[in-house]
Amino acid sequence: QVQLVESGGGLVQAGGSLRLSCAASGRTFSSSAMGWFRQASGKERNEFVAAISWSGGNTHYADSVKGRLTINRDNAKNTVYLQMNSLKPEDTGAYYCAAASAPDTLVVITPALYDYWGQGTQVTVSS
């Protein structure tokens, strides 16, 4: 079992930055691939944003966020982060972290393959 709690969301102007955190509890965190997904208003929670393998050695990003968002993790702190720079209004939405069982080196980008989800944190980018 892995419990996930996101934090760090808020209201920011376009071009600004935020850092999201996802704190995990449970002994399997360090062997879980992690991902961030977002849900825009009126849409499903299935837009892939970024993913990282359980050792942190591999990452993958949606084309829309490449060069602006960075995912990393600190297994000693049971936390995964999403650094968000140069934010755009279209980045607005609820951001969810998720955990999946996967071999090291693999990143998981399909929502259905994730076993555990947090409750989400809202990011609002004003123009």
C-alpha atoms as a PDB file:
ATOM      1  CA  GLN A   1       0.000   0.000   0.000  1.00  0.00           C
ATOM      2  CA  VAL A   2       1.130   3.522  -0.813  1.00  0.00           C
ATOM      3  CA  GLN A   3      -0.646   6.663   0.377  1.00  0.00           C
ATOM      4  CA  LEU A   4       0.039   9.848  -1.562  1.00  0.00           C
ATOM      5  CA  VAL A   5      -0.506  13.473  -0.525  1.00  0.00           C
ATOM      6  CA  GLU A   6       0.137  16.329  -2.945  1.00  0.00           C
ATOM      7  CA  SER A   7       0.939  19.909  -1.961  1.00  0.00           C
ATOM      8  CA  GLY A   8       2.344  23.091  -3.453  1.00  0.00           C
ATOM      9  CA  GLY A   9      -0.441  24.134  -5.771  1.00  0.00           C
ATOM     10  CA  GLY A  10      -1.728  27.680  -5.943  1.00  0.00           C
ATOM     11  CA  LEU A  11      -2.472  30.703  -8.080  1.00  0.00           C
ATOM     12  CA  VAL A  12       0.348  32.088 -10.195  1.00  0.00           C
ATOM     13  CA  GLN A  13       0.670  34.482 -13.093  1.00  0.00           C
ATOM     14  CA  ALA A  14       1.692  33.280 -16.511  1.00  0.00           C
ATOM     15  CA  GLY A  15       5.455  32.907 -16.658  1.00  0.00           C
ATOM     16  CA  GLY A  16       5.665  32.119 -12.971  1.00  0.00           C
ATOM     17  CA  SER A  17       6.802  28.986 -11.161  1.00  0.00           C
ATOM     18  CA  LEU A  18       5.486  26.461  -8.693  1.00  0.00           C
ATOM     19  CA  ARG A  19       6.927  23.343  -7.117  1.00  0.00           C
ATOM     20  CA  LEU A  20       4.550  20.509  -6.410  1.00  0.00           C
ATOM     21  CA  SER A  21       5.403  17.837  -3.874  1.00  0.00           C
ATOM     22  CA  CYS A  22       3.943  14.387  -3.418  1.00  0.00           C
ATOM     23  CA  ALA A  23       4.657  12.785  -0.066  1.00  0.00           C
ATOM     24  CA  ALA A  24       4.274   9.042   0.070  1.00  0.00           C
ATOM     25  CA  SER A  25       3.853   6.684   2.944  1.00  0.00           C
ATOM     26  CA  GLY A  26       4.243   2.967   2.655  1.00  0.00           C
ATOM     27  CA  ARG A  27       7.240   0.749   2.325  1.00  0.00           C
ATOM     28  CA  THR A  28       6.986   0.246  -1.413  1.00  0.00           C
ATOM     29  CA  PHE A  29       7.542   3.861  -2.480  1.00  0.00           C
ATOM     30  CA  SER A  30      11.195   3.431  -3.360  1.00  0.00           C
ATOM     31  CA  SER A  31      10.317   0.606  -5.743  1.00  0.00           C
ATOM     32  CA  SER A  32       7.404   2.427  -7.389  1.00  0.00           C
ATOM     33  CA  ALA A  33       7.442   4.285 -10.650  1.00  0.00           C
ATOM     34  CA  MET A  34       5.800   7.673 -10.146  1.00  0.00           C
ATOM     35  CA  GLY A  35       3.863   9.980 -12.373  1.00  0.00           C
ATOM     36  CA  TRP A  36       2.037  13.284 -12.484  1.00  0.00           C
ATOM     37  CA  PHE A  37      -1.260  13.719 -14.285  1.00  0.00           C
ATOM     38  CA  ARG A  38      -3.597  16.634 -14.557  1.00  0.00           C
ATOM     39  CA  GLN A  39      -7.268  17.243 -14.950  1.00  0.00           C
ATOM     40  CA  ALA A  40      -8.525  20.407 -16.560  1.00  0.00           C
ATOM     41  CA  SER A  41     -11.963  21.652 -15.633  1.00  0.00           C
ATOM     42  CA  GLY A  42     -14.651  19.470 -17.162  1.00  0.00           C
ATOM     43  CA  LYS A  43     -12.176  16.870 -18.388  1.00  0.00           C
ATOM     44  CA  GLU A  44     -11.079  13.487 -17.125  1.00  0.00           C
ATOM     45  CA  ARG A  45      -8.054  12.965 -14.885  1.00  0.00           C
ATOM     46  CA  ASN A  46      -5.981  11.315 -17.517  1.00  0.00           C
ATOM     47  CA  GLU A  47      -3.722  13.872 -19.108  1.00  0.00           C
ATOM     48  CA  PHE A  48      -0.185  12.626 -18.686  1.00  0.00           C
ATOM     49  CA  VAL A  49       2.323  15.238 -17.560  1.00  0.00           C
ATOM     50  CA  ALA A  50       5.531  13.532 -16.412  1.00  0.00           C
ATOM     51  CA  ALA A  51       6.832  10.217 -15.104  1.00  0.00           C
ATOM     52  CA  ILE A  52       9.947   8.926 -13.403  1.00  0.00           C
ATOM     53  CA  SER A  53      11.335   5.443 -12.834  1.00  0.00           C
ATOM     54  CA  TRP A  54      11.714   4.192  -9.298  1.00  0.00           C
ATOM     55  CA  SER A  55      15.445   4.853  -9.145  1.00  0.00           C
ATOM     56  CA  GLY A  56      14.996   8.262 -10.790  1.00  0.00           C
ATOM     57  CA  GLY A  57      17.253   7.347 -13.665  1.00  0.00           C
ATOM     58  CA  ASN A  58      14.631   7.693 -16.382  1.00  0.00           C
ATOM     59  CA  THR A  59      12.046  10.384 -16.967  1.00  0.00           C
ATOM     60  CA  HIS A  60       9.459  11.150 -19.617  1.00  0.00           C
ATOM     61  CA  TYR A  61       7.393  14.243 -20.325  1.00  0.00           C
ATOM     62  CA  ALA A  62       4.376  15.223 -22.319  1.00  0.00           C
ATOM     63  CA  ASP A  63       5.383  17.307 -25.329  1.00  0.00           C
ATOM     64  CA  SER A  64       3.390  20.240 -23.999  1.00  0.00           C
ATOM     65  CA  VAL A  65       5.567  20.545 -20.871  1.00  0.00           C
ATOM     66  CA  LYS A  66       9.028  19.608 -22.119  1.00  0.00           C
ATOM     67  CA  GLY A  67      11.611  22.188 -21.184  1.00  0.00           C
ATOM     68  CA  ARG A  68       9.314  23.800 -18.615  1.00  0.00           C
ATOM     69  CA  LEU A  69       8.459  21.094 -16.078  1.00  0.00           C
ATOM     70  CA  THR A  70      10.893  18.784 -14.312  1.00  0.00           C
ATOM     71  CA  ILE A  71      10.096  15.666 -12.316  1.00  0.00           C
ATOM     72  CA  ASN A  72      12.476  14.300  -9.707  1.00  0.00           C
ATOM     73  CA  ARG A  73      12.292  12.228  -6.570  1.00  0.00           C
ATOM     74  CA  ASP A  74      14.021  11.779  -3.239  1.00  0.00           C
ATOM     75  CA  ASN A  75      13.542   8.196  -2.125  1.00  0.00           C
ATOM     76  CA  ALA A  76      15.119   8.947   1.251  1.00  0.00           C
ATOM     77  CA  LYS A  77      12.290  11.420   1.856  1.00  0.00           C
ATOM     78  CA  ASN A  78       9.604   9.353   0.129  1.00  0.00           C
ATOM     79  CA  THR A  79       8.773  12.363  -2.012  1.00  0.00           C
ATOM     80  CA  VAL A  80       8.413  13.101  -5.701  1.00  0.00           C
ATOM     81  CA  TYR A  81       8.477  16.655  -7.012  1.00  0.00           C
ATOM     82  CA  LEU A  82       7.265  18.524 -10.058  1.00  0.00           C
ATOM     83  CA  GLN A  83       9.106  21.781 -10.669  1.00  0.00           C
ATOM     84  CA  MET A  84       6.947  23.954 -12.899  1.00  0.00           C
ATOM     85  CA  ASN A  85       8.542  26.934 -14.665  1.00  0.00           C
ATOM     86  CA  SER A  86       7.311  29.299 -17.371  1.00  0.00           C
ATOM     87  CA  LEU A  87       3.751  28.381 -16.541  1.00  0.00           C
ATOM     88  CA  LYS A  88       0.990  28.997 -19.070  1.00  0.00           C
ATOM     89  CA  PRO A  89      -2.766  29.392 -18.582  1.00  0.00           C
ATOM     90  CA  GLU A  90      -3.265  26.034 -20.296  1.00  0.00           C
ATOM     91  CA  ASP A  91      -1.341  24.396 -17.436  1.00  0.00           C
ATOM     92  CA  THR A  92      -4.288  25.156 -15.177  1.00  0.00           C
ATOM     93  CA  GLY A  93      -5.861  22.124 -13.569  1.00  0.00           C
ATOM     94  CA  ALA A  94      -5.804  19.703 -10.686  1.00  0.00           C
ATOM     95  CA  TYR A  95      -2.517  17.849 -10.516  1.00  0.00           C
ATOM     96  CA  TYR A  96      -2.367  14.295  -9.232  1.00  0.00           C
ATOM     97  CA  CYS A  97       0.581  12.112  -8.416  1.00  0.00           C
ATOM     98  CA  ALA A  98       0.365   8.383  -8.817  1.00  0.00           C
ATOM     99  CA  ALA A  99       2.415   5.294  -8.014  1.00  0.00           C
ATOM    100  CA  ALA A 100       2.839   2.131 -10.066  1.00  0.00           C
ATOM    101  CA  SER A 101       4.670  -1.122  -9.570  1.00  0.00           C
ATOM    102  CA  ALA A 102       7.237  -1.367 -12.331  1.00  0.00           C
ATOM    103  CA  PRO A 103      10.754  -2.636 -12.907  1.00  0.00           C
ATOM    104  CA  ASP A 104      13.514  -0.116 -12.540  1.00  0.00           C
ATOM    105  CA  THR A 105      14.363   1.901 -15.683  1.00  0.00           C
ATOM    106  CA  LEU A 106      10.728   1.892 -16.776  1.00  0.00           C
ATOM    107  CA  VAL A 107       8.512   4.929 -16.772  1.00  0.00           C
ATOM    108  CA  VAL A 108       4.752   4.522 -16.854  1.00  0.00           C
ATOM    109  CA  ILE A 109       2.662   6.958 -18.860  1.00  0.00           C
ATOM    110  CA  THR A 110      -0.686   5.146 -18.985  1.00  0.00           C
ATOM    111  CA  PRO A 111      -3.068   6.160 -16.174  1.00  0.00           C
ATOM    112  CA  ALA A 112      -4.695   2.723 -16.016  1.00  0.00           C
ATOM    113  CA  LEU A 113      -1.378   1.147 -15.040  1.00  0.00           C
ATOM    114  CA  TYR A 114      -1.105   3.190 -11.853  1.00  0.00           C
ATOM    115  CA  ASP A 115      -2.165   1.523  -8.623  1.00  0.00           C
ATOM    116  CA  TYR A 116      -2.353   4.462  -6.208  1.00  0.00           C
ATOM    117  CA  TRP A 117      -3.424   8.083  -6.576  1.00  0.00           C
ATOM    118  CA  GLY A 118      -3.315  11.166  -4.415  1.00  0.00           C
ATOM    119  CA  GLN A 119      -6.208  13.570  -3.891  1.00  0.00           C
ATOM    120  CA  GLY A 120      -4.734  16.276  -6.103  1.00  0.00           C
ATOM    121  CA  THR A 121      -3.585  19.861  -5.742  1.00  0.00           C
ATOM    122  CA  GLN A 122      -4.989  22.748  -7.772  1.00  0.00           C
ATOM    123  CA  VAL A 123      -2.782  24.857 -10.030  1.00  0.00           C
ATOM    124  CA  THR A 124      -4.268  27.999 -11.532  1.00  0.00           C
ATOM    125  CA  VAL A 125      -2.288  30.105 -13.976  1.00  0.00           C
ATOM    126  CA  SER A 126      -3.702  33.527 -14.767  1.00  0.00           C
ATOM    127  CA  SER A 127      -2.977  35.336 -18.008  1.00  0.00           C
END
